[in-house]
Structure formats: structure tokens, C-alpha cells
C-alpha atoms as a PDB file:
ATOM      1  CA  MET A   1      37.296  76.110  -7.446  1.00  0.00           C
ATOM      2  CA  THR A   2      39.411  73.019  -6.835  1.00  0.00           C
ATOM      3  CA  GLU A   3      41.815  72.204  -9.638  1.00  0.00           C
ATOM      4  CA  THR A   4      41.022  68.989 -11.486  1.00  0.00           C
ATOM      5  CA  PRO A   5      44.430  67.793 -12.708  1.00  0.00           C
ATOM      6  CA  LEU A   6      43.203  64.880 -14.819  1.00  0.00           C
ATOM      7  CA  ARG A   7      40.484  64.767 -17.468  1.00  0.00           C
ATOM      8  CA  THR A   8      38.862  61.472 -18.480  1.00  0.00           C
ATOM      9  CA  ASP A   9      37.104  60.873 -21.796  1.00  0.00           C
ATOM     10  CA  ARG A  10      35.685  57.643 -23.202  1.00  0.00           C
ATOM     11  CA  ASP A  11      34.476  57.021 -26.752  1.00  0.00           C
ATOM     12  CA  GLU A  12      32.032  54.512 -28.216  1.00  0.00           C
ATOM     13  CA  ARG A  13      34.848  52.078 -29.020  1.00  0.00           C
ATOM     14  CA  GLY A  14      35.847  51.733 -25.381  1.00  0.00           C
ATOM     15  CA  VAL A  15      38.960  53.917 -25.744  1.00  0.00           C
ATOM     16  CA  VAL A  16      39.600  55.845 -22.502  1.00  0.00           C
ATOM     17  CA  THR A  17      41.793  58.946 -22.745  1.00  0.00           C
ATOM     18  CA  LEU A  18      43.407  60.410 -19.648  1.00  0.00           C
ATOM     19  CA  THR A  19      44.560  63.977 -20.254  1.00  0.00           C
ATOM     20  CA  LEU A  20      47.061  65.497 -17.840  1.00  0.00           C
ATOM     21  CA  ASP A  21      45.264  68.792 -17.378  1.00  0.00           C
ATOM     22  CA  ARG A  22      47.638  71.274 -15.742  1.00  0.00           C
ATOM     23  CA  PRO A  23      48.657  73.265 -18.826  1.00  0.00           C
ATOM     24  CA  GLN A  24      49.601  76.304 -16.727  1.00  0.00           C
ATOM     25  CA  ALA A  25      52.274  74.098 -15.085  1.00  0.00           C
ATOM     26  CA  ARG A  26      53.115  72.219 -18.310  1.00  0.00           C
ATOM     27  CA  ASN A  27      51.316  69.218 -16.804  1.00  0.00           C
ATOM     28  CA  ALA A  28      53.999  68.715 -14.173  1.00  0.00           C
ATOM     29  CA  PHE A  29      53.411  65.881 -11.717  1.00  0.00           C
ATOM     30  CA  SER A  30      52.006  67.172  -8.462  1.00  0.00           C
ATOM     31  CA  ALA A  31      51.104  64.765  -5.677  1.00  0.00           C
ATOM     32  CA  GLU A  32      47.458  65.298  -6.595  1.00  0.00           C
ATOM     33  CA  LEU A  33      47.999  64.504 -10.279  1.00  0.00           C
ATOM     34  CA  MET A  34      49.966  61.337  -9.518  1.00  0.00           C
ATOM     35  CA  ARG A  35      47.244  60.127  -7.166  1.00  0.00           C
ATOM     36  CA  ALA A  36      44.562  60.980  -9.725  1.00  0.00           C
ATOM     37  CA  ILE A  37      46.293  59.000 -12.486  1.00  0.00           C
ATOM     38  CA  ALA A  38      46.921  55.989 -10.268  1.00  0.00           C
ATOM     39  CA  SER A  39      43.397  55.959  -8.858  1.00  0.00           C
ATOM     40  CA  ARG A  40      41.730  56.339 -12.244  1.00  0.00           C
ATOM     41  CA  VAL A  41      43.829  53.600 -13.844  1.00  0.00           C
ATOM     42  CA  GLU A  42      43.120  51.275 -10.911  1.00  0.00           C
ATOM     43  CA  GLU A  43      39.392  51.922 -11.345  1.00  0.00           C
ATOM     44  CA  LEU A  44      39.617  50.955 -15.004  1.00  0.00           C
ATOM     45  CA  GLU A  45      41.844  47.896 -14.778  1.00  0.00           C
ATOM     46  CA  HIS A  46      38.972  45.494 -14.034  1.00  0.00           C
ATOM     47  CA  ASP A  47      36.669  46.985 -16.695  1.00  0.00           C
ATOM     48  CA  GLU A  48      36.895  44.549 -19.580  1.00  0.00           C
ATOM     49  CA  THR A  49      34.955  46.908 -21.858  1.00  0.00           C
ATOM     50  CA  VAL A  50      38.023  49.187 -21.976  1.00  0.00           C
ATOM     51  CA  ARG A  51      39.719  48.477 -25.302  1.00  0.00           C
ATOM     52  CA  ALA A  52      42.629  50.875 -24.893  1.00  0.00           C
ATOM     53  CA  LEU A  53      43.973  53.446 -22.438  1.00  0.00           C
ATOM     54  CA  VAL A  54      45.506  56.649 -23.838  1.00  0.00           C
ATOM     55  CA  LEU A  55      47.664  59.166 -21.958  1.00  0.00           C
ATOM     56  CA  THR A  56      48.252  62.672 -23.297  1.00  0.00           C
ATOM     57  CA  GLY A  57      48.765  66.229 -22.118  1.00  0.00           C
ATOM     58  CA  ALA A  58      46.725  69.409 -22.331  1.00  0.00           C
ATOM     59  CA  GLY A  59      48.319  72.404 -24.000  1.00  0.00           C
ATOM     60  CA  SER A  60      51.802  72.330 -25.509  1.00  0.00           C
ATOM     61  CA  ALA A  61      53.515  69.758 -23.268  1.00  0.00           C
ATOM     62  CA  PHE A  62      53.007  66.105 -22.443  1.00  0.00           C
ATOM     63  CA  SER A  63      54.530  66.726 -19.010  1.00  0.00           C
ATOM     64  CA  ALA A  64      57.470  68.703 -17.672  1.00  0.00           C
ATOM     65  CA  GLY A  65      58.105  66.040 -15.021  1.00  0.00           C
ATOM     66  CA  ALA A  66      57.977  66.617 -11.285  1.00  0.00           C
ATOM     67  CA  ASP A  67      56.317  69.806 -10.071  1.00  0.00           C
ATOM     68  CA  LEU A  68      58.972  72.025  -8.512  1.00  0.00           C
ATOM     69  CA  THR A  69      56.654  73.194  -5.749  1.00  0.00           C
ATOM     70  CA  TRP A  70      55.989  69.589  -4.770  1.00  0.00           C
ATOM     71  CA  MET A  71      59.706  68.759  -5.001  1.00  0.00           C
ATOM     72  CA  SER A  72      60.573  71.746  -2.803  1.00  0.00           C
ATOM     73  CA  SER A  73      58.137  70.571  -0.149  1.00  0.00           C
ATOM     74  CA  LEU A  74      60.053  67.289   0.184  1.00  0.00           C
ATOM     75  CA  LYS A  75      63.485  68.707   0.991  1.00  0.00           C
ATOM     76  CA  ASP A  76      62.809  68.985   4.712  1.00  0.00           C
ATOM     77  CA  ASN A  77      61.272  65.515   4.994  1.00  0.00           C
ATOM     78  CA  THR A  78      63.089  62.698   6.733  1.00  0.00           C
ATOM     79  CA  PHE A  79      64.570  59.798   4.796  1.00  0.00           C
ATOM     80  CA  GLU A  80      61.657  57.591   5.811  1.00  0.00           C
ATOM     81  CA  GLU A  81      59.129  60.250   4.755  1.00  0.00           C
ATOM     82  CA  ASN A  82      60.818  60.586   1.362  1.00  0.00           C
ATOM     83  CA  VAL A  83      60.714  56.824   0.847  1.00  0.00           C
ATOM     84  CA  GLU A  84      57.010  56.779   1.634  1.00  0.00           C
ATOM     85  CA  ASP A  85      56.311  59.755  -0.619  1.00  0.00           C
ATOM     86  CA  SER A  86      58.115  58.075  -3.516  1.00  0.00           C
ATOM     87  CA  ARG A  87      55.677  55.189  -3.273  1.00  0.00           C
ATOM     88  CA  HIS A  88      52.987  57.449  -4.793  1.00  0.00           C
ATOM     89  CA  PHE A  89      55.083  57.913  -7.918  1.00  0.00           C
ATOM     90  CA  GLU A  90      55.900  54.203  -8.104  1.00  0.00           C
ATOM     91  CA  ARG A  91      52.211  53.377  -7.765  1.00  0.00           C
ATOM     92  CA  MET A  92      51.413  55.569 -10.786  1.00  0.00           C
ATOM     93  CA  LEU A  93      54.141  53.988 -12.908  1.00  0.00           C
ATOM     94  CA  ARG A  94      53.250  50.458 -11.855  1.00  0.00           C
ATOM     95  CA  VAL A  95      49.520  50.635 -12.559  1.00  0.00           C
ATOM     96  CA  VAL A  96      50.118  52.080 -16.032  1.00  0.00           C
ATOM     97  CA  ASN A  97      52.830  49.499 -16.738  1.00  0.00           C
ATOM     98  CA  ASP A  98      50.614  46.622 -15.576  1.00  0.00           C
ATOM     99  CA  PHE A  99      47.330  47.781 -17.130  1.00  0.00           C
ATOM    100  CA  PRO A 100      45.735  44.713 -18.769  1.00  0.00           C
ATOM    101  CA  ALA A 101      44.494  46.361 -21.994  1.00  0.00           C
ATOM    102  CA  PRO A 102      46.717  48.138 -24.552  1.00  0.00           C
ATOM    103  CA  THR A 103      48.136  51.468 -23.395  1.00  0.00           C
ATOM    104  CA  LEU A 104      49.273  54.297 -25.650  1.00  0.00           C
ATOM    105  CA  ALA A 105      50.892  57.704 -25.146  1.00  0.00           C
ATOM    106  CA  ARG A 106      50.064  60.616 -27.438  1.00  0.00           C
ATOM    107  CA  VAL A 107      53.171  62.701 -26.844  1.00  0.00           C
ATOM    108  CA  ASN A 108      52.056  66.163 -27.883  1.00  0.00           C
ATOM    109  CA  GLY A 109      55.095  67.962 -26.481  1.00  0.00           C
ATOM    110  CA  HIS A 110      57.999  67.800 -24.053  1.00  0.00           C
ATOM    111  CA  ALA A 111      58.245  64.753 -21.740  1.00  0.00           C
ATOM    112  CA  ILE A 112      60.910  65.317 -19.102  1.00  0.00           C
ATOM    113  CA  GLY A 113      62.116  63.275 -16.132  1.00  0.00           C
ATOM    114  CA  GLY A 114      59.309  61.188 -14.711  1.00  0.00           C
ATOM    115  CA  ALA A 115      57.183  61.884 -17.782  1.00  0.00           C
ATOM    116  CA  ALA A 116      59.852  60.307 -19.990  1.00  0.00           C
ATOM    117  CA  GLY A 117      59.716  57.362 -17.611  1.00  0.00           C
ATOM    118  CA  LEU A 118      55.963  57.125 -18.066  1.00  0.00           C
ATOM    119  CA  LEU A 119      56.549  56.641 -21.812  1.00  0.00           C
ATOM    120  CA  ALA A 120      58.441  53.463 -20.970  1.00  0.00           C
ATOM    121  CA  CYS A 121      55.380  52.134 -19.122  1.00  0.00           C
ATOM    122  CA  VAL A 122      52.977  52.232 -22.078  1.00  0.00           C
ATOM    123  CA  ASP A 123      52.788  49.720 -24.903  1.00  0.00           C
ATOM    124  CA  VAL A 124      53.007  52.269 -27.729  1.00  0.00           C
ATOM    125  CA  ALA A 125      54.180  55.890 -27.730  1.00  0.00           C
ATOM    126  CA  VAL A 126      53.622  58.276 -30.652  1.00  0.00           C
ATOM    127  CA  ALA A 127      55.509  61.571 -30.432  1.00  0.00           C
ATOM    128  CA  ALA A 128      55.336  64.874 -32.255  1.00  0.00           C
ATOM    129  CA  ARG A 129      58.612  65.916 -33.827  1.00  0.00           C
ATOM    130  CA  GLY A 130      60.047  68.791 -31.815  1.00  0.00           C
ATOM    131  CA  ALA A 131      59.137  67.289 -28.456  1.00  0.00           C
ATOM    132  CA  LYS A 132      62.096  67.285 -26.092  1.00  0.00           C
ATOM    133  CA  ILE A 133      62.582  64.193 -23.961  1.00  0.00           C
ATOM    134  CA  GLY A 134      65.116  63.385 -21.301  1.00  0.00           C
ATOM    135  CA  PHE A 135      66.014  62.098 -17.866  1.00  0.00           C
ATOM    136  CA  SER A 136      67.139  65.329 -16.232  1.00  0.00           C
ATOM    137  CA  GLU A 137      67.383  64.169 -12.622  1.00  0.00           C
ATOM    138  CA  ALA A 138      71.199  64.016 -12.473  1.00  0.00           C
ATOM    139  CA  ARG A 139      71.392  67.719 -13.369  1.00  0.00           C
ATOM    140  CA  LEU A 140      69.436  68.423 -10.196  1.00  0.00           C
ATOM    141  CA  GLY A 141      71.805  66.290  -8.132  1.00  0.00           C
ATOM    142  CA  LEU A 142      69.296  63.429  -8.119  1.00  0.00           C
ATOM    143  CA  ALA A 143      68.900  60.098  -9.924  1.00  0.00           C
ATOM    144  CA  PRO A 144      66.102  58.715 -12.139  1.00  0.00           C
ATOM    145  CA  ALA A 145      65.650  56.000  -9.553  1.00  0.00           C
ATOM    146  CA  MET A 146      61.906  55.460  -9.733  1.00  0.00           C
ATOM    147  CA  ILE A 147      61.747  55.238 -13.536  1.00  0.00           C
ATOM    148  CA  SER A 148      65.007  53.339 -14.060  1.00  0.00           C
ATOM    149  CA  ALA A 149      63.563  49.824 -13.985  1.00  0.00           C
ATOM    150  CA  TYR A 150      60.951  50.671 -16.606  1.00  0.00           C
ATOM    151  CA  VAL A 151      63.197  52.742 -18.865  1.00  0.00           C
ATOM    152  CA  GLN A 152      66.105  50.302 -18.863  1.00  0.00           C
ATOM    153  CA  GLN A 153      63.785  47.520 -20.003  1.00  0.00           C
ATOM    154  CA  ARG A 154      62.753  49.735 -22.911  1.00  0.00           C
ATOM    155  CA  ILE A 155      66.008  51.326 -24.070  1.00  0.00           C
ATOM    156  CA  GLY A 156      68.653  48.986 -22.636  1.00  0.00           C
ATOM    157  CA  THR A 157      71.501  49.557 -20.213  1.00  0.00           C
ATOM    158  CA  GLY A 158      73.819  51.131 -22.797  1.00  0.00           C
ATOM    159  CA  HIS A 159      71.495  54.010 -23.641  1.00  0.00           C
ATOM    160  CA  ALA A 160      70.503  54.359 -19.986  1.00  0.00           C
ATOM    161  CA  ARG A 161      74.148  54.885 -19.039  1.00  0.00           C
ATOM    162  CA  ARG A 162      74.464  57.819 -21.416  1.00  0.00           C
ATOM    163  CA  TYR A 163      71.162  59.574 -20.858  1.00  0.00           C
ATOM    164  CA  PHE A 164      70.734  58.895 -17.139  1.00  0.00           C
ATOM    165  CA  LEU A 165      74.274  60.088 -16.373  1.00  0.00           C
ATOM    166  CA  SER A 166      74.287  63.173 -18.601  1.00  0.00           C
ATOM    167  CA  GLY A 167      70.720  64.292 -17.987  1.00  0.00           C
ATOM    168  CA  GLU A 168      70.762  65.756 -21.497  1.00  0.00           C
ATOM    169  CA  LEU A 169      67.598  66.351 -23.466  1.00  0.00           C
ATOM    170  CA  PHE A 170      67.097  64.728 -26.862  1.00  0.00           C
ATOM    171  CA  ASP A 171      64.493  65.036 -29.561  1.00  0.00           C
ATOM    172  CA  ALA A 172      61.678  62.685 -30.540  1.00  0.00           C
ATOM    173  CA  ASP A 173      63.696  61.225 -33.420  1.00  0.00           C
ATOM    174  CA  ARG A 174      66.432  60.208 -31.010  1.00  0.00           C
ATOM    175  CA  ALA A 175      63.808  58.766 -28.673  1.00  0.00           C
ATOM    176  CA  PHE A 176      62.618  56.675 -31.609  1.00  0.00           C
ATOM    177  CA  ALA A 177      66.156  55.541 -32.410  1.00  0.00           C
ATOM    178  CA  ILE A 178      66.737  54.226 -28.889  1.00  0.00           C
ATOM    179  CA  GLY A 179      63.302  52.582 -28.671  1.00  0.00           C
ATOM    180  CA  LEU A 180      61.593  54.871 -26.172  1.00  0.00           C
ATOM    181  CA  VAL A 181      58.895  55.896 -28.656  1.00  0.00           C
ATOM    182  CA  HIS A 182      57.503  53.914 -31.565  1.00  0.00           C
ATOM    183  CA  GLU A 183      56.476  56.559 -34.096  1.00  0.00           C
ATOM    184  CA  VAL A 184      57.407  60.178 -34.737  1.00  0.00           C
ATOM    185  CA  CYS A 185      55.457  62.594 -36.903  1.00  0.00           C
ATOM    186  CA  GLU A 186      55.139  66.286 -37.624  1.00  0.00           C
ATOM    187  CA  PRO A 187      53.078  68.149 -34.999  1.00  0.00           C
ATOM    188  CA  ASP A 188      50.303  68.892 -37.490  1.00  0.00           C
ATOM    189  CA  ASP A 189      50.081  65.165 -38.262  1.00  0.00           C
ATOM    190  CA  LEU A 190      49.925  63.958 -34.659  1.00  0.00           C
ATOM    191  CA  ASP A 191      46.156  63.461 -34.533  1.00  0.00           C
ATOM    192  CA  ALA A 192      46.041  61.540 -37.816  1.00  0.00           C
ATOM    193  CA  THR A 193      49.113  59.450 -37.019  1.00  0.00           C
ATOM    194  CA  PHE A 194      47.882  58.595 -33.552  1.00  0.00           C
ATOM    195  CA  ALA A 195      44.413  57.719 -34.887  1.00  0.00           C
ATOM    196  CA  ARG A 196      46.013  55.325 -37.391  1.00  0.00           C
ATOM    197  CA  VAL A 197      48.136  53.608 -34.737  1.00  0.00           C
ATOM    198  CA  LEU A 198      45.155  53.312 -32.402  1.00  0.00           C
ATOM    199  CA  ALA A 199      42.945  51.921 -35.182  1.00  0.00           C
ATOM    200  CA  GLU A 200      45.523  49.213 -35.878  1.00  0.00           C
ATOM    201  CA  MET A 201      45.549  48.311 -32.186  1.00  0.00           C
ATOM    202  CA  LEU A 202      41.762  47.936 -32.127  1.00  0.00           C
ATOM    203  CA  LYS A 203      41.835  45.366 -34.942  1.00  0.00           C
ATOM    204  CA  ALA A 204      43.093  42.703 -32.530  1.00  0.00           C
ATOM    205  CA  GLY A 205      40.864  40.663 -30.257  1.00  0.00           C
ATOM    206  CA  PRO A 206      40.468  42.242 -26.805  1.00  0.00           C
ATOM    207  CA  ARG A 207      40.866  38.990 -24.878  1.00  0.00           C
ATOM    208  CA  ALA A 208      43.831  37.999 -27.031  1.00  0.00           C
ATOM    209  CA  GLN A 209      45.493  41.326 -26.264  1.00  0.00           C
ATOM    210  CA  ARG A 210      45.019  40.953 -22.525  1.00  0.00           C
ATOM    211  CA  GLU A 211      46.349  37.386 -22.579  1.00  0.00           C
ATOM    212  CA  THR A 212      49.261  38.516 -24.750  1.00  0.00           C
ATOM    213  CA  LYS A 213      50.208  41.301 -22.337  1.00  0.00           C
ATOM    214  CA  ARG A 214      50.258  38.818 -19.470  1.00  0.00           C
ATOM    215  CA  MET A 215      52.345  36.440 -21.572  1.00  0.00           C
ATOM    216  CA  ILE A 216      54.888  39.110 -22.536  1.00  0.00           C
ATOM    217  CA  ALA A 217      55.427  40.035 -18.877  1.00  0.00           C
ATOM    218  CA  ALA A 218      55.668  36.402 -17.775  1.00  0.00           C
ATOM    219  CA  VAL A 219      58.094  35.415 -20.553  1.00  0.00           C
ATOM    220  CA  ALA A 220      60.334  38.366 -19.689  1.00  0.00           C
ATOM    221  CA  GLU A 221      60.304  37.359 -16.026  1.00  0.00           C
ATOM    222  CA  ALA A 222      60.927  33.685 -16.809  1.00  0.00           C
ATOM    223  CA  GLY A 223      64.169  34.521 -18.588  1.00  0.00           C
ATOM    224  CA  SER A 224      64.573  31.294 -20.570  1.00  0.00           C
ATOM    225  CA  LEU A 225      62.786  29.153 -23.140  1.00  0.00           C
ATOM    226  CA  ASP A 226      62.421  26.230 -20.752  1.00  0.00           C
ATOM    227  CA  ALA A 227      61.021  28.354 -17.937  1.00  0.00           C
ATOM    228  CA  SER A 228      58.373  29.903 -20.191  1.00  0.00           C
ATOM    229  CA  GLU A 229      57.486  26.807 -22.244  1.00  0.00           C
ATOM    230  CA  GLN A 230      54.448  25.631 -20.268  1.00  0.00           C
ATOM    231  CA  LEU A 231      53.051  29.148 -20.073  1.00  0.00           C
ATOM    232  CA  ARG A 232      53.338  29.567 -23.828  1.00  0.00           C
ATOM    233  CA  LEU A 233      51.754  26.180 -24.534  1.00  0.00           C
ATOM    234  CA  GLU A 234      48.831  26.877 -22.228  1.00  0.00           C
ATOM    235  CA  THR A 235      48.258  30.401 -23.547  1.00  0.00           C
ATOM    236  CA  ILE A 236      47.786  29.385 -27.172  1.00  0.00           C
ATOM    237  CA  ALA A 237      45.757  26.304 -26.228  1.00  0.00           C
ATOM    238  CA  ARG A 238      43.426  28.400 -24.081  1.00  0.00           C
ATOM    239  CA  LEU A 239      42.906  31.029 -26.775  1.00  0.00           C
ATOM    240  CA  ARG A 240      42.270  28.475 -29.546  1.00  0.00           C
ATOM    241  CA  VAL A 241      39.248  27.056 -27.740  1.00  0.00           C
ATOM    242  CA  ALA A 242      37.952  30.346 -26.340  1.00  0.00           C
ATOM    243  CA  GLU A 243      34.907  32.016 -27.894  1.00  0.00           C
ATOM    244  CA  GLU A 244      36.932  34.948 -29.200  1.00  0.00           C
ATOM    245  CA  GLY A 245      39.576  32.735 -30.782  1.00  0.00           C
ATOM    246  CA  GLN A 246      36.956  30.534 -32.433  1.00  0.00           C
ATOM    247  CA  ALA A 247      35.128  33.599 -33.781  1.00  0.00           C
ATOM    248  CA  GLY A 248      38.340  35.177 -35.033  1.00  0.00           C
ATOM    249  CA  MET A 249      39.499  32.086 -36.875  1.00  0.00           C
ATOM    250  CA  SER A 250      36.041  31.550 -38.407  1.00  0.00           C
ATOM    251  CA  ALA A 251      35.979  35.154 -39.610  1.00  0.00           C
ATOM    252  CA  PHE A 252      39.418  34.757 -41.178  1.00  0.00           C
ATOM    253  CA  PHE A 253      38.436  31.637 -43.114  1.00  0.00           C
ATOM    254  CA  ASP A 254      35.126  33.205 -44.157  1.00  0.00           C
ATOM    255  CA  LYS A 255      36.946  36.378 -45.303  1.00  0.00           C
ATOM    256  CA  ARG A 256      34.878  38.707 -43.109  1.00  0.00           C
ATOM    257  CA  PRO A 257      35.781  41.048 -40.235  1.00  0.00           C
ATOM    258  CA  PRO A 258      35.916  39.528 -36.760  1.00  0.00           C
ATOM    259  CA  PRO A 259      33.065  40.455 -34.392  1.00  0.00           C
ATOM    260  CA  TRP A 260      35.111  42.914 -32.324  1.00  0.00           C
ATOM    261  CA  ILE A 261      35.630  45.249 -35.320  1.00  0.00           C
ATOM    262  CA  PRO A 262      32.601  47.543 -35.810  1.00  0.00           C
ATOM    263  CA  ASP A 263      30.938  47.525 -39.211  1.00  0.00           C
END
């Protein structure tokens, strides 16, 4: 039977959960798993009924990072072949980072190397206390090159200098302190804590969230108040007159839930 490295579940709210399903390999990234994640996320990105995308791992780990068997197969490749192979990993990171609806990571266990980089690509990460996280590439004589752009935006250059250069592992509380994850809880509380965070996310208007994600990315790229001014003016003006914005404001003034929150 062919291994299926990724499991997809969707609930009645429009929440899609992608579970890295290689527990025997601690959900390490094989070429097949990376392609499966990228392809599935690309399939979902134009589905406006998706309210949120969740990433988690099967078993005791979120992901141990790159699969050693896959890594070993690359050592005899040419430089050009290695560049091309790395594009598969970049594709996975990019589609998660750019997904139009809210993205969340349920970090049920260790997230090492590329998996720690994936945490920097989601909007919200909730981690179980005891999970070990780190950018271990330098200890293998490598560099966290593919994840660096995403992680540095999240944790800043100062923290990147320490943890990229040392390759040391740190715990979920430290990941919270440097901004890589947003909430930490006891392992037994992970389901309840994650459900609470997800429920808060679903209280916002779906179109407003998608417009806001585009705005955040554009403002960051613009780099100055003047460069982003027109974008910001047009975003709020567009949402004020849109059906969702009108419904949301009416619900607020009438002291009732907005239409996107189920009764």
C-alpha cells in the first residue's frame, strides 16, 4: 500500500486541517510530503469557503524536519540539481505563507529545522509545553537558507543570529518569548487551548480577514507610511461599502452576532 503522508479533514465551519501523517518518521519532510502539502494548499487557496487552514502532526511530533533518507539522496546531486530540488521546499513554505485565509499551527510536539521554519509561515502557532524547537542546520554543516527569510521576519535578526548560528534547540516557552509561537500550554490542554484560539479567529469576517492578510503583506513590502497610504485608504473604503462590512456594522449597532458566526 502506498504511504499517504498527508491527511486532510474539513469541518462544518470550513476549517481544513492538514495532518502530517508520517508518525513512524516523526513526520519528517520527505519529497512526497512536501509536494503533498504544497499541492493541497494550492488546491485550497481559491476556495473562499475555507475559513481557516490548520497544520499539525500525527503522533508525538509536529515534524522532525528534513527526512534523513531524502537528505542522503541529495549528496551526490550536482549544484544545479540541488538548487532545483530546493525549489520544492520553497514552494511548500511560500504557499503556506501566502495562503489567503487565516493559517494556524497546532504544535503537538517537536518542530525542528524546516518544521520550525514552517511555524514562521503561519499566522498563529499554538505549542504544547515540552515541544523542542530549533534551527539545527548549522550542526549538520548546513544553513537554514530556505527558511531564513520567513523566520527572520518573525523573530528578528538578533534572535536569528543566535539560533541560526548555534543550531541549539529551545523549548516552547522560549519560542514564545522570541515571537515564533503565539501561545504555549500544557500538553493536556493543547486541544482546548487551540480550540479557543481558533474560535476567536472565526469571529472575524472572512472577507475582512483575506483583505487584511493582503494588506499586512503589502504594508510590510511598502516599507513606509507614504508608500502604503493609498493602499490603506482603499482597503478600508472598499470594506466599508462591501456586503460583509455593511452586515458586520449593522450587527454591531443592533447588538446581535454578525452573519458569519453560526447561531
